[in-house]
Amino acid sequence: MLEVSEINQYYGGSHILRGVSFEARIGEVTCLLGRNGVGKSTLLKCLMGLVPARTGAVNWQGKAITRYKPHQRVQAGIAYVPQGREIFPRLTVEENLLMGLSRFNGAQAKAVPEEIYVLFPVLKEMKQRRGGDLSGGQQQQLAIGRALACRPQLLILDEPTEGIQPSVIKEIGAVIRQLASRGDMAILLVEQFYDFAAGLADNYLVMSRGAIVQRGQGENMETDGVRGLVAI
């Protein structure tokens, strides 16, 4: 389980994250929703150690990881798919996926797990294509596949539907549902697309002005009025 306690972060004089606390459990999809600029991506960067939290604590599997560097968090079983995907455009699809194996040594680091090609068949078809030649939706699948290559127990996804065609959004949703159903991974999904989040969430969090202002079970999102809270 991921436990986040009273995280605060500032940029200059602005208080960006205000006492953020929540949990994300293995076998569940926790969706974090909110409009642009409320601090969602900053929170994820704090969870990955890319931005140090000013105060507060992050615990993963009962261990304090607040002071861990990003690579140490990856070694601890946490994977992150950033907004904008950040694949390597000049590397092939296969080479991009192999980058996700960097936490392993020896033979484990030499071959892309077949499971990734099963989840995303298009990546197998295009494994010798350069990442930069893929469509936006295919690049998003590649970014998720690269994260899964490190066999995480916590998968953090930052707006995976952004700028993607509806057919691929559907495929990504099916993969997230399949991963959650295995029961060996916690998934933290940051999303602005309400219907996508509502279709996947076991639990939801709504963020506004750097704070969690509402939380509950995914099945209650409509009756709890979450759509109105995140509508642009």
Protein backbone atom coordinates (compact mmCIF):
# COMPACT_ATOMS: atom_id res chain seq x y z
CA MET A 1 0.00 0.00 0.00
CA LEU A 2 1.04 3.58 -0.74
CA GLU A 3 0.44 5.97 2.17
CA VAL A 4 0.85 9.69 1.59
CA SER A 5 0.70 11.91 4.69
CA GLU A 6 0.44 15.69 4.83
CA ILE A 7 2.54 16.49 1.76
CA ASN A 8 3.27 20.20 1.31
CA GLN A 9 5.16 21.79 -1.57
CA TYR A 10 5.86 25.39 -2.62
CA TYR A 11 7.03 27.08 -5.83
CA GLY A 12 8.46 30.46 -4.91
CA GLY A 13 5.83 32.03 -2.67
CA SER A 14 2.99 29.81 -3.93
CA HIS A 15 1.72 26.97 -1.75
CA ILE A 16 1.22 24.30 -4.44
CA LEU A 17 0.38 21.22 -2.36
CA ARG A 18 -1.52 21.73 0.89
CA GLY A 19 -1.42 18.87 3.36
CA VAL A 20 -2.21 16.13 0.82
CA SER A 21 -2.97 12.72 2.40
CA PHE A 22 -4.37 9.55 0.82
CA GLU A 23 -3.80 5.83 0.33
CA ALA A 24 -3.59 3.62 -2.78
CA ARG A 25 -3.98 -0.12 -2.24
CA ILE A 26 -2.77 -3.09 -4.24
CA GLY A 27 -5.50 -4.55 -6.47
CA GLU A 28 -7.30 -1.20 -6.74
CA VAL A 29 -7.39 1.75 -9.13
CA THR A 30 -7.26 5.07 -7.28
CA CYS A 31 -8.23 7.99 -9.53
CA LEU A 32 -7.09 11.52 -8.77
CA LEU A 33 -9.20 14.11 -10.59
CA GLY A 34 -9.05 17.87 -10.83
CA ARG A 35 -8.90 20.75 -13.24
CA ASN A 36 -5.68 22.04 -14.78
CA GLY A 37 -3.21 23.70 -12.46
CA VAL A 38 -4.46 22.30 -9.13
CA GLY A 39 -1.20 20.45 -8.36
CA LYS A 40 -1.86 16.92 -9.64
CA SER A 41 1.37 16.53 -11.65
CA THR A 42 3.42 18.17 -8.89
CA LEU A 43 2.05 15.61 -6.45
CA LEU A 44 3.11 12.74 -8.72
CA LYS A 45 6.59 14.23 -9.07
CA CYS A 46 6.80 14.33 -5.26
CA LEU A 47 5.75 10.67 -5.12
CA MET A 48 8.56 9.79 -7.57
CA GLY A 49 11.18 11.96 -5.86
CA LEU A 50 11.58 14.21 -8.91
CA VAL A 51 10.48 17.14 -6.73
CA PRO A 52 11.29 16.82 -3.01
CA ALA A 53 8.30 17.34 -0.73
CA ARG A 54 8.86 20.29 1.60
CA THR A 55 7.09 18.51 4.47
CA GLY A 56 5.12 15.30 4.91
CA ALA A 57 5.81 11.61 4.38
CA VAL A 58 5.50 8.96 1.68
CA ASN A 59 5.39 5.32 2.77
CA TRP A 60 5.36 2.36 0.41
CA GLN A 61 4.80 -1.22 1.60
CA GLY A 62 5.34 -0.07 5.19
CA LYS A 63 8.69 1.59 4.45
CA ALA A 64 9.40 5.34 4.53
CA ILE A 65 10.59 6.38 1.04
CA THR A 66 10.24 10.16 1.48
CA ARG A 67 14.00 10.68 1.09
CA TYR A 68 14.50 8.11 -1.68
CA LYS A 69 15.93 9.26 -5.01
CA PRO A 70 13.82 8.49 -8.13
CA HIS A 71 15.89 5.42 -9.10
CA GLN A 72 15.53 4.03 -5.57
CA ARG A 73 11.74 4.34 -5.85
CA VAL A 74 11.86 2.44 -9.14
CA GLN A 75 13.95 -0.25 -7.42
CA ALA A 76 11.27 -0.38 -4.71
CA GLY A 77 8.69 -1.33 -7.35
CA ILE A 78 7.18 2.02 -8.40
CA ALA A 79 6.75 2.97 -12.08
CA TYR A 80 5.67 6.33 -13.49
CA VAL A 81 4.22 7.27 -16.87
CA PRO A 82 4.56 11.07 -17.06
CA GLN A 83 2.28 13.48 -18.84
CA GLY A 84 3.57 13.88 -22.39
CA ARG A 85 4.86 10.26 -22.42
CA GLU A 86 8.58 11.15 -22.72
CA ILE A 87 9.56 8.18 -24.81
CA PHE A 88 12.93 8.17 -26.62
CA PRO A 89 12.00 9.18 -30.20
CA ARG A 90 15.23 8.01 -31.86
CA LEU A 91 15.20 4.58 -30.20
CA THR A 92 13.12 1.72 -31.58
CA VAL A 93 10.00 0.52 -29.79
CA GLU A 94 11.94 -2.51 -28.55
CA GLU A 95 14.84 -0.36 -27.31
CA ASN A 96 12.39 1.92 -25.48
CA LEU A 97 10.86 -1.10 -23.76
CA LEU A 98 14.30 -2.45 -22.82
CA MET A 99 14.98 0.86 -21.03
CA GLY A 100 12.22 -0.16 -18.63
CA LEU A 101 14.32 -3.16 -17.56
CA SER A 102 17.08 -1.01 -16.07
CA ARG A 103 16.19 -2.05 -12.50
CA PHE A 104 17.18 -5.66 -13.30
CA ASN A 105 20.55 -7.33 -13.78
CA GLY A 106 21.76 -10.02 -16.16
CA ALA A 107 19.37 -12.11 -18.23
CA GLN A 108 16.30 -10.38 -16.78
CA ALA A 109 17.42 -7.12 -18.39
CA LYS A 110 17.92 -8.54 -21.90
CA ALA A 111 14.46 -9.42 -23.17
CA VAL A 112 11.16 -7.55 -23.26
CA PRO A 113 8.57 -9.54 -21.25
CA GLU A 114 6.14 -11.18 -23.70
CA GLU A 115 3.25 -10.00 -21.51
CA ILE A 116 3.77 -6.42 -22.74
CA TYR A 117 3.28 -7.49 -26.34
CA VAL A 118 0.16 -9.42 -25.31
CA LEU A 119 -1.26 -6.32 -23.60
CA PHE A 120 -0.26 -4.03 -26.49
CA PRO A 121 -0.09 -6.08 -29.74
CA VAL A 122 0.68 -2.95 -31.79
CA LEU A 123 4.05 -2.68 -30.02
CA LYS A 124 5.03 -6.14 -31.26
CA GLU A 125 4.03 -5.23 -34.82
CA MET A 126 6.11 -2.06 -34.65
CA LYS A 127 8.99 -3.13 -32.42
CA GLN A 128 11.66 -2.15 -34.97
CA ARG A 129 10.06 1.25 -35.71
CA ARG A 130 11.50 4.35 -34.07
CA GLY A 131 9.42 5.68 -31.20
CA GLY A 132 9.15 9.09 -32.82
CA ASP A 133 7.40 7.55 -35.85
CA LEU A 134 4.47 6.24 -33.78
CA SER A 135 1.14 8.03 -33.41
CA GLY A 136 0.33 9.74 -30.11
CA GLY A 137 -1.82 6.82 -28.99
CA GLN A 138 0.86 4.28 -29.87
CA GLN A 139 3.47 6.35 -28.02
CA GLN A 140 1.21 6.31 -24.95
CA GLN A 141 0.95 2.53 -25.15
CA LEU A 142 4.74 2.40 -25.48
CA ALA A 143 5.20 4.61 -22.41
CA ILE A 144 2.89 2.36 -20.36
CA GLY A 145 4.62 -0.76 -21.71
CA ARG A 146 8.02 0.65 -20.74
CA ALA A 147 6.75 1.28 -17.20
CA LEU A 148 5.32 -2.24 -16.97
CA ALA A 149 8.65 -3.73 -18.09
CA CYS A 150 10.06 -3.02 -14.62
CA ARG A 151 7.31 -5.25 -13.13
CA PRO A 152 6.00 -2.59 -10.74
CA GLN A 153 3.71 -3.08 -7.78
CA LEU A 154 2.64 0.55 -8.04
CA LEU A 155 1.89 2.08 -11.45
CA ILE A 156 1.41 5.87 -11.59
CA LEU A 157 -0.22 7.25 -14.75
CA ASP A 158 -0.41 10.99 -15.44
CA GLU A 159 -3.27 11.81 -17.86
CA PRO A 160 -2.86 8.79 -20.18
CA THR A 161 -5.84 9.84 -22.34
CA GLU A 162 -4.51 13.31 -23.18
CA GLY A 163 -4.55 13.97 -26.94
CA ILE A 164 -5.36 10.37 -27.85
CA GLN A 165 -7.95 8.97 -30.27
CA PRO A 166 -11.01 7.30 -28.69
CA SER A 167 -10.18 3.78 -29.94
CA VAL A 168 -6.80 3.81 -28.17
CA ILE A 169 -8.33 5.32 -25.02
CA LYS A 170 -10.62 2.28 -24.96
CA GLU A 171 -7.65 -0.10 -25.35
CA ILE A 172 -5.70 1.62 -22.55
CA GLY A 173 -8.74 1.45 -20.28
CA ALA A 174 -9.05 -2.30 -20.93
CA VAL A 175 -5.36 -2.81 -20.05
CA ILE A 176 -5.68 -0.83 -16.80
CA ARG A 177 -8.75 -2.88 -15.85
CA GLN A 178 -6.87 -6.11 -16.61
CA LEU A 179 -3.82 -5.05 -14.56
CA ALA A 180 -5.98 -4.12 -11.57
CA SER A 181 -7.90 -7.40 -11.71
CA ARG A 182 -4.67 -9.40 -11.28
CA GLY A 183 -4.52 -8.18 -7.68
CA ASP A 184 -0.74 -7.66 -7.51
CA MET A 185 -0.50 -3.97 -8.39
CA ALA A 186 -1.78 -0.64 -7.09
CA ILE A 187 -2.68 1.86 -9.82
CA LEU A 188 -2.78 5.61 -9.24
CA LEU A 189 -4.42 7.31 -12.20
CA VAL A 190 -4.45 11.08 -12.64
CA GLU A 191 -7.12 12.04 -15.12
CA GLN A 192 -9.24 14.95 -16.37
CA PHE A 193 -11.48 12.82 -18.60
CA TYR A 194 -14.30 12.08 -16.14
CA ASP A 195 -15.94 9.17 -17.99
CA PHE A 196 -12.63 7.31 -18.37
CA ALA A 197 -11.86 7.71 -14.65
CA ALA A 198 -15.38 6.79 -13.56
CA GLY A 199 -15.22 3.59 -15.59
CA LEU A 200 -12.05 2.43 -13.82
CA ALA A 201 -12.00 3.90 -10.30
CA ASP A 202 -12.28 1.74 -7.22
CA ASN A 203 -11.65 4.91 -5.22
CA TYR A 204 -11.51 8.55 -6.23
CA LEU A 205 -9.89 11.74 -4.97
CA VAL A 206 -10.77 15.25 -6.13
CA MET A 207 -8.09 17.91 -5.92
CA SER A 208 -8.60 21.68 -5.92
CA ARG A 209 -6.07 24.42 -5.18
CA GLY A 210 -3.46 21.94 -3.99
CA ALA A 211 -5.69 20.04 -1.54
CA ILE A 212 -7.87 16.93 -1.61
CA VAL A 213 -11.39 18.35 -1.27
CA GLN A 214 -13.43 15.18 -1.75
CA ARG A 215 -12.88 11.42 -1.77
CA GLY A 216 -14.99 8.30 -1.99
CA GLN A 217 -15.70 5.04 -3.81
CA GLY A 218 -15.62 4.96 -7.59
CA GLU A 219 -19.15 3.57 -7.85
CA ASN A 220 -20.47 6.69 -6.10
CA MET A 221 -18.78 9.29 -8.32
CA GLU A 222 -21.95 10.28 -10.15
CA THR A 223 -24.14 10.55 -7.04
CA ASP A 224 -21.32 12.39 -5.23
CA GLY A 225 -21.36 15.08 -7.92
CA VAL A 226 -17.76 14.55 -9.00
CA ARG A 227 -18.49 15.38 -12.67
CA GLY A 228 -19.45 18.95 -11.70
CA LEU A 229 -16.31 19.36 -9.59
CA VAL A 230 -13.93 18.53 -12.44
CA ALA A 231 -15.84 19.92 -15.45
CA ILE A 232 -13.87 22.60 -17.28
